[in-house]
Amino acid sequence: MDECVDLTSANTLRLPCIADYYAEPASLDALRRTLAYARRKQWPVTLLGGGSNVLLPPRLAGLAIRPALNQWWLTRDGNDVLVHVGAGVNWHALVLNTAARGLWGIENLALIPGDCGAAPVQNIGAYGVELADSLQALQVMELATGETRWLNNADCAFGYRDSLFKNALNGRVVITQLVLRLSRQPALKLHYGDLASRLSNAPSPLDVANAVSAIRQEKLPDPKQLANAGSFFKNPIVSSQQALALLACYPGMPHFPLSNGQTKLAAGWLIDQCGLKGTREGAFGVHDRQALVLVHLGGGDREGLMRFADSLVEQVNARFNVLLEPEPRLI
């Protein structure tokens, strides 16, 4: 356990942050001991993954923990393959490894940054696929007791960029292991964007993952080169009536009808229509190629970022009567 640790490079927006204490336990026993020590000290505990979906404050009180549970393995279950993966495994590396083995299910989720343990919190999704589509179960450890238990898919209350871990279990558990159900049978989902046009008639899972990665690299800045947290705003969901009213004014507006009768809109398109792509305010700006991405150009902090984000929300709401919500977690 280290004291006064600089976490500026541990979050992809590179917001300046100093943690009072920081630990990377590499086993369940080590994690349990770390949590017990924090309880004895009465420290608040903050859980971190790859830092790609958090907005850190200048000072993080108490203990920050990034689980370093980096083992993963495969087992068979009938015609399917179960992937057991520790919370500290890099998500993109897992996608490439499973795709290279001919396993279908998460190939559309290639190049999403972060650790596997953080994936269920946000119910990560891209190109018509969500984590919830393949998650069989997951293991959690209670912060208050160190006890572990398993939750199945239904227990996790997954929604669009939402889960039980952002609500009832927020701040109460740490996710330690995932079990994903993947298949050796092709299950192509290529209807999103121009993904299908980039692939042959019989692509492999790795072909799909590589195509998704190429698209993301074309549209999204590399956090190692330009600080960002990927998509900063959720795609808003509105009633079908509001969507129809907007389409009457903007016939070319991207929209995606949902099974519950509501309609998902494209937050990036809304921001772009307000003429905000490429704009800058102080240390922060809207990326000049992808309006959904906010970038940190250096020298800013979380307060400045939130002021800038709020100004975008206000302008979009004023024009479209649609309220955008940030996607990253505010720690």
Protein backbone atom coordinates (compact mmCIF):
# COMPACT_ATOMS: atom_id res chain seq x y z
CA MET A 1 0.00 0.00 0.00
CA ASP A 2 1.42 3.35 -1.05
CA GLU A 3 0.77 6.81 0.37
CA CYS A 4 0.09 10.09 -1.51
CA VAL A 5 -0.05 8.50 -4.95
CA ASP A 6 -0.44 10.65 -8.07
CA LEU A 7 -3.31 9.22 -10.12
CA THR A 8 -3.11 11.79 -12.92
CA SER A 9 -1.74 9.21 -15.33
CA ALA A 10 -4.14 6.55 -14.00
CA ASN A 11 -7.19 8.21 -15.56
CA THR A 12 -7.44 8.66 -19.33
CA LEU A 13 -8.68 12.26 -19.04
CA ARG A 14 -5.50 12.96 -17.06
CA LEU A 15 -7.35 15.03 -14.47
CA PRO A 16 -4.94 15.87 -11.64
CA CYS A 17 -5.61 13.68 -8.60
CA ILE A 18 -3.68 12.62 -5.50
CA ALA A 19 -4.91 9.57 -3.59
CA ASP A 20 -4.24 9.48 0.15
CA TYR A 21 -3.52 5.74 -0.13
CA TYR A 22 -3.42 3.32 -3.07
CA ALA A 23 -3.26 -0.46 -3.39
CA GLU A 24 -3.34 -3.10 -6.16
CA PRO A 25 -4.21 -6.41 -4.43
CA ALA A 26 -3.43 -9.37 -6.70
CA SER A 27 -5.57 -12.06 -5.04
CA LEU A 28 -8.89 -12.37 -3.25
CA ASP A 29 -7.08 -12.84 0.07
CA ALA A 30 -4.97 -9.73 -0.52
CA LEU A 31 -8.08 -7.76 -1.46
CA ARG A 32 -9.87 -9.00 1.66
CA ARG A 33 -6.95 -7.97 3.87
CA THR A 34 -6.75 -4.56 2.19
CA LEU A 35 -10.44 -3.92 2.77
CA ALA A 36 -10.15 -5.04 6.41
CA TYR A 37 -7.27 -2.62 6.95
CA ALA A 38 -9.31 0.23 5.44
CA ARG A 39 -12.21 -0.62 7.76
CA ARG A 40 -9.94 -0.55 10.81
CA LYS A 41 -8.62 2.83 9.73
CA GLN A 42 -12.17 3.98 8.89
CA TRP A 43 -11.02 5.09 5.46
CA PRO A 44 -13.45 5.58 2.59
CA VAL A 45 -12.71 3.20 -0.29
CA THR A 46 -12.74 4.12 -3.99
CA LEU A 47 -12.56 1.38 -6.62
CA LEU A 48 -10.69 2.04 -9.84
CA GLY A 49 -10.24 0.13 -13.07
CA GLY A 50 -8.40 1.35 -16.13
CA GLY A 51 -9.42 4.94 -15.42
CA SER A 52 -11.26 5.35 -18.72
CA ASN A 53 -14.70 6.04 -17.27
CA VAL A 54 -14.11 8.12 -14.15
CA LEU A 55 -13.88 11.81 -13.33
CA LEU A 56 -11.44 12.10 -10.44
CA PRO A 57 -11.27 14.98 -7.93
CA PRO A 58 -7.99 16.78 -7.11
CA ARG A 59 -7.74 14.82 -3.85
CA LEU A 60 -9.10 11.33 -3.34
CA ALA A 61 -9.58 10.77 0.38
CA GLY A 62 -9.01 7.39 1.97
CA LEU A 63 -7.92 4.33 0.00
CA ALA A 64 -8.08 3.85 -3.78
CA ILE A 65 -8.01 0.21 -4.88
CA ARG A 66 -7.35 -1.16 -8.36
CA PRO A 67 -7.76 -4.95 -8.23
CA ALA A 68 -4.88 -6.72 -10.01
CA LEU A 69 -6.76 -9.99 -10.49
CA ASN A 70 -5.22 -10.84 -13.84
CA GLN A 71 -6.02 -14.53 -14.45
CA TRP A 72 -8.49 -15.87 -17.01
CA TRP A 73 -9.36 -19.36 -18.25
CA LEU A 74 -11.88 -21.28 -20.36
CA THR A 75 -14.30 -24.11 -19.58
CA ARG A 76 -16.85 -25.87 -21.76
CA ASP A 77 -20.59 -25.85 -21.20
CA GLY A 78 -22.31 -27.90 -23.88
CA ASN A 79 -21.79 -26.15 -27.21
CA ASP A 80 -20.72 -22.93 -25.50
CA VAL A 81 -17.49 -21.82 -23.89
CA LEU A 82 -17.44 -20.08 -20.53
CA VAL A 83 -14.73 -17.46 -20.10
CA HIS A 84 -13.75 -16.91 -16.46
CA VAL A 85 -11.89 -13.62 -16.16
CA GLY A 86 -10.41 -11.70 -13.26
CA ALA A 87 -11.34 -8.07 -12.71
CA GLY A 88 -7.86 -6.79 -13.52
CA VAL A 89 -7.65 -8.26 -17.04
CA ASN A 90 -7.54 -5.67 -19.82
CA TRP A 91 -10.86 -5.77 -21.68
CA HIS A 92 -9.53 -5.25 -25.22
CA ALA A 93 -6.85 -7.89 -24.72
CA LEU A 94 -9.56 -10.34 -23.64
CA VAL A 95 -11.66 -9.55 -26.73
CA LEU A 96 -8.71 -10.18 -29.05
CA ASN A 97 -7.73 -13.39 -27.26
CA THR A 98 -11.22 -14.89 -27.35
CA ALA A 99 -11.80 -13.76 -30.94
CA ALA A 100 -8.52 -15.36 -32.01
CA ARG A 101 -9.82 -18.63 -30.54
CA GLY A 102 -12.90 -18.43 -32.78
CA LEU A 103 -15.30 -17.49 -29.97
CA TRP A 104 -18.28 -15.26 -30.79
CA GLY A 105 -20.07 -12.82 -28.50
CA ILE A 106 -17.86 -9.87 -27.57
CA GLU A 107 -16.00 -9.14 -30.82
CA ASN A 108 -18.09 -5.97 -31.39
CA LEU A 109 -16.77 -4.62 -28.09
CA ALA A 110 -13.15 -4.41 -29.27
CA LEU A 111 -10.95 -1.47 -28.30
CA ILE A 112 -13.18 -0.34 -25.42
CA PRO A 113 -10.59 0.78 -22.86
CA GLY A 114 -10.46 -0.31 -19.25
CA ASP A 115 -10.36 -3.40 -17.05
CA CYS A 116 -12.88 -6.25 -17.11
CA GLY A 117 -14.04 -5.57 -13.56
CA ALA A 118 -15.34 -2.16 -14.58
CA ALA A 119 -17.21 -3.42 -17.65
CA PRO A 120 -20.43 -4.49 -15.84
CA VAL A 121 -20.73 -1.19 -13.95
CA GLN A 122 -21.37 0.70 -17.16
CA ASN A 123 -22.74 -2.29 -19.07
CA ILE A 124 -20.29 -1.38 -21.81
CA GLY A 125 -21.66 -1.48 -25.32
CA ALA A 126 -20.79 -0.71 -28.93
CA TYR A 127 -21.95 -1.58 -32.45
CA GLY A 128 -25.23 -3.11 -31.36
CA VAL A 129 -23.79 -5.32 -28.58
CA GLU A 130 -23.69 -4.90 -24.80
CA LEU A 131 -21.80 -6.80 -22.13
CA ALA A 132 -25.18 -7.95 -20.77
CA ASP A 133 -25.65 -10.02 -23.95
CA SER A 134 -22.87 -12.41 -22.94
CA LEU A 135 -22.44 -12.09 -19.18
CA GLN A 136 -23.42 -15.32 -17.44
CA ALA A 137 -22.50 -14.39 -13.86
CA LEU A 138 -20.07 -12.37 -11.80
CA GLN A 139 -18.47 -12.54 -8.39
CA VAL A 140 -18.43 -9.62 -5.97
CA MET A 141 -16.77 -8.99 -2.63
CA GLU A 142 -18.61 -7.00 0.03
CA LEU A 143 -16.60 -3.97 1.14
CA ALA A 144 -18.10 -4.14 4.62
CA THR A 145 -17.32 -7.80 5.32
CA GLY A 146 -14.90 -9.17 2.71
CA GLU A 147 -17.37 -11.94 1.90
CA THR A 148 -17.80 -13.04 -1.73
CA ARG A 149 -20.97 -14.04 -3.54
CA TRP A 150 -22.14 -14.67 -7.09
CA LEU A 151 -24.77 -12.75 -9.04
CA ASN A 152 -26.38 -13.93 -12.26
CA ASN A 153 -27.22 -11.75 -15.25
CA ALA A 154 -30.72 -10.91 -14.06
CA ASP A 155 -29.43 -9.92 -10.62
CA CYS A 156 -27.28 -7.20 -12.20
CA ALA A 157 -30.28 -5.15 -13.42
CA PHE A 158 -28.53 -4.17 -16.63
CA GLY A 159 -29.82 -1.25 -18.67
CA TYR A 160 -28.41 1.15 -21.21
CA ARG A 161 -25.07 2.20 -19.68
CA ASP A 162 -26.54 1.20 -16.34
CA SER A 163 -26.47 -1.60 -13.79
CA LEU A 164 -27.04 -2.52 -10.17
CA PHE A 165 -23.47 -1.39 -9.48
CA LYS A 166 -24.30 2.23 -10.30
CA ASN A 167 -27.35 2.10 -8.06
CA ALA A 168 -28.16 -0.22 -5.13
CA LEU A 169 -24.65 -1.73 -4.91
CA ASN A 170 -22.75 1.47 -5.64
CA GLY A 171 -19.93 1.75 -3.11
CA ARG A 172 -20.85 -1.55 -1.45
CA VAL A 173 -19.05 -4.22 -3.49
CA VAL A 174 -16.01 -4.75 -5.68
CA ILE A 175 -16.41 -6.93 -8.77
CA THR A 176 -13.72 -9.61 -8.70
CA GLN A 177 -14.52 -12.04 -11.54
CA LEU A 178 -16.75 -12.30 -14.62
CA VAL A 179 -18.06 -15.38 -16.38
CA LEU A 180 -18.91 -14.79 -20.04
CA ARG A 181 -20.84 -17.25 -22.22
CA LEU A 182 -19.38 -17.28 -25.73
CA SER A 183 -20.11 -19.52 -28.70
CA ARG A 184 -18.19 -21.27 -31.46
CA GLN A 185 -21.21 -20.74 -33.72
CA PRO A 186 -21.22 -17.52 -35.79
CA ALA A 187 -23.52 -14.87 -34.35
CA LEU A 188 -22.89 -11.84 -36.55
CA LYS A 189 -24.22 -8.43 -35.58
CA LEU A 190 -23.10 -6.11 -38.33
CA HIS A 191 -26.06 -3.78 -38.81
CA TYR A 192 -24.51 -0.83 -36.96
CA GLY A 193 -22.86 1.86 -39.10
CA ASP A 194 -20.63 0.69 -41.95
CA LEU A 195 -19.31 -2.36 -40.14
CA ALA A 196 -20.76 -4.87 -42.63
CA SER A 197 -19.21 -3.11 -45.62
CA ARG A 198 -15.73 -3.61 -44.18
CA LEU A 199 -16.01 -7.38 -43.91
CA SER A 200 -16.08 -10.40 -46.20
CA ASN A 201 -19.12 -12.66 -46.51
CA ALA A 202 -17.83 -15.08 -43.86
CA PRO A 203 -15.76 -13.10 -41.37
CA SER A 204 -14.20 -14.63 -38.28
CA PRO A 205 -14.67 -13.11 -34.80
CA LEU A 206 -11.17 -11.67 -35.10
CA ASP A 207 -12.04 -10.09 -38.46
CA VAL A 208 -14.98 -8.35 -36.79
CA ALA A 209 -12.91 -7.25 -33.80
CA ASN A 210 -10.22 -5.83 -36.09
CA ALA A 211 -12.80 -3.99 -38.20
CA VAL A 212 -14.40 -2.49 -35.10
CA SER A 213 -10.97 -1.46 -33.83
CA ALA A 214 -10.16 0.22 -37.16
CA ILE A 215 -13.42 2.18 -37.11
CA ARG A 216 -12.88 3.28 -33.53
CA GLN A 217 -9.32 4.37 -34.28
CA GLU A 218 -10.55 6.45 -37.22
CA LYS A 219 -13.22 8.19 -35.17
CA LEU A 220 -11.86 8.34 -31.62
CA PRO A 221 -8.61 9.88 -30.38
CA ASP A 222 -6.10 7.64 -28.64
CA PRO A 223 -6.13 8.57 -24.91
CA LYS A 224 -2.35 8.04 -24.85
CA GLN A 225 -1.97 10.85 -27.39
CA LEU A 226 -4.88 13.14 -26.45
CA ALA A 227 -6.48 12.86 -23.02
CA ASN A 228 -10.13 11.80 -23.19
CA ALA A 229 -12.61 9.34 -21.70
CA GLY A 230 -14.17 8.16 -24.95
CA SER A 231 -17.85 8.95 -25.30
CA PHE A 232 -18.54 11.59 -22.68
CA PHE A 233 -22.33 11.64 -23.00
CA LYS A 234 -24.86 8.84 -23.12
CA ASN A 235 -27.02 8.62 -26.22
CA PRO A 236 -30.31 10.06 -24.91
CA ILE A 237 -33.50 8.01 -24.94
CA VAL A 238 -36.73 9.90 -25.63
CA SER A 239 -40.37 9.03 -26.17
CA SER A 240 -41.46 8.03 -29.67
CA GLN A 241 -43.64 11.15 -29.76
CA GLN A 242 -40.70 13.44 -29.08
CA ALA A 243 -38.61 11.58 -31.64
CA LEU A 244 -41.31 12.03 -34.30
CA ALA A 245 -41.56 15.74 -33.51
CA LEU A 246 -37.79 16.13 -33.87
CA LEU A 247 -37.78 14.14 -37.12
CA ALA A 248 -40.37 16.50 -38.56
CA CYS A 249 -37.84 19.32 -38.09
CA TYR A 250 -34.70 17.28 -38.75
CA PRO A 251 -35.53 14.45 -41.21
CA GLY A 252 -31.91 13.30 -41.35
CA MET A 253 -31.56 12.88 -37.58
CA PRO A 254 -30.07 9.50 -36.62
CA HIS A 255 -32.53 7.60 -34.46
CA PHE A 256 -32.85 4.04 -33.23
CA PRO A 257 -36.31 2.75 -32.21
CA LEU A 258 -36.21 0.50 -29.13
CA SER A 259 -38.36 -2.49 -28.27
CA ASN A 260 -40.05 -0.61 -25.42
CA GLY A 261 -41.47 2.04 -27.76
CA GLN A 262 -38.87 4.66 -26.95
CA THR A 263 -36.21 5.98 -29.32
CA LYS A 264 -32.47 6.37 -28.84
CA LEU A 265 -30.87 9.47 -30.34
CA ALA A 266 -27.22 10.09 -31.22
CA ALA A 267 -25.72 12.51 -28.69
CA GLY A 268 -22.78 13.26 -30.97
CA TRP A 269 -25.11 14.33 -33.79
CA LEU A 270 -27.04 16.64 -31.46
CA ILE A 271 -23.82 18.30 -30.28
CA ASP A 272 -22.56 18.60 -33.86
CA GLN A 273 -25.80 20.24 -35.01
CA CYS A 274 -25.25 22.94 -32.42
CA GLY A 275 -21.97 23.80 -34.13
CA LEU A 276 -19.91 22.66 -31.15
CA LYS A 277 -17.54 20.17 -32.78
CA GLY A 278 -14.00 21.44 -32.39
CA THR A 279 -14.90 24.19 -29.91
CA ARG A 280 -12.66 24.88 -26.93
CA GLU A 281 -13.04 26.53 -23.56
CA GLY A 282 -9.85 26.82 -21.53
CA ALA A 283 -8.22 23.44 -21.08
CA PHE A 284 -11.09 21.43 -22.56
CA GLY A 285 -12.66 21.02 -25.97
CA VAL A 286 -14.93 18.98 -28.20
CA HIS A 287 -12.92 16.70 -30.47
CA ASP A 288 -12.81 18.00 -34.03
CA ARG A 289 -13.70 14.61 -35.57
CA GLN A 290 -16.10 13.17 -32.97
CA ALA A 291 -18.44 15.53 -31.15
CA LEU A 292 -19.22 12.91 -28.50
CA VAL A 293 -15.66 13.04 -27.18
CA LEU A 294 -14.42 15.76 -24.84
CA VAL A 295 -10.66 16.21 -24.73
CA HIS A 296 -8.33 17.61 -22.10
CA LEU A 297 -5.65 19.76 -23.70
CA GLY A 298 -3.67 20.20 -20.49
CA GLY A 299 -3.72 22.29 -17.35
CA GLY A 300 -7.36 21.71 -16.40
CA ASP A 301 -9.17 20.02 -13.53
CA ARG A 302 -12.50 18.35 -12.92
CA GLU A 303 -14.29 21.59 -12.03
CA GLY A 304 -13.30 23.14 -15.34
CA LEU A 305 -14.32 20.03 -17.24
CA MET A 306 -17.76 19.96 -15.66
CA ARG A 307 -18.33 23.65 -16.41
CA PHE A 308 -17.50 22.98 -20.05
CA ALA A 309 -19.70 19.87 -20.18
CA ASP A 310 -22.59 21.74 -18.56
CA SER A 311 -22.38 24.45 -21.22
CA LEU A 312 -22.74 21.80 -23.95
CA VAL A 313 -25.71 20.24 -22.17
CA GLU A 314 -27.42 23.63 -21.94
CA GLN A 315 -26.94 24.40 -25.62
CA VAL A 316 -28.23 21.02 -26.79
CA ASN A 317 -31.22 21.25 -24.46
CA ALA A 318 -32.04 24.76 -25.64
CA ARG A 319 -32.17 23.64 -29.27
CA PHE A 320 -33.63 20.13 -29.08
CA ASN A 321 -35.28 19.95 -25.62
CA VAL A 322 -33.14 16.87 -24.99
CA LEU A 323 -31.06 16.58 -21.83
CA LEU A 324 -27.68 14.89 -22.18
CA GLU A 325 -26.20 12.91 -19.29
CA PRO A 326 -22.47 12.31 -18.73
CA GLU A 327 -21.32 8.73 -19.19
CA PRO A 328 -18.20 8.68 -16.93
CA ARG A 329 -18.66 8.21 -13.19
CA LEU A 330 -18.16 11.24 -10.96
CA ILE A 331 -16.01 10.03 -8.07
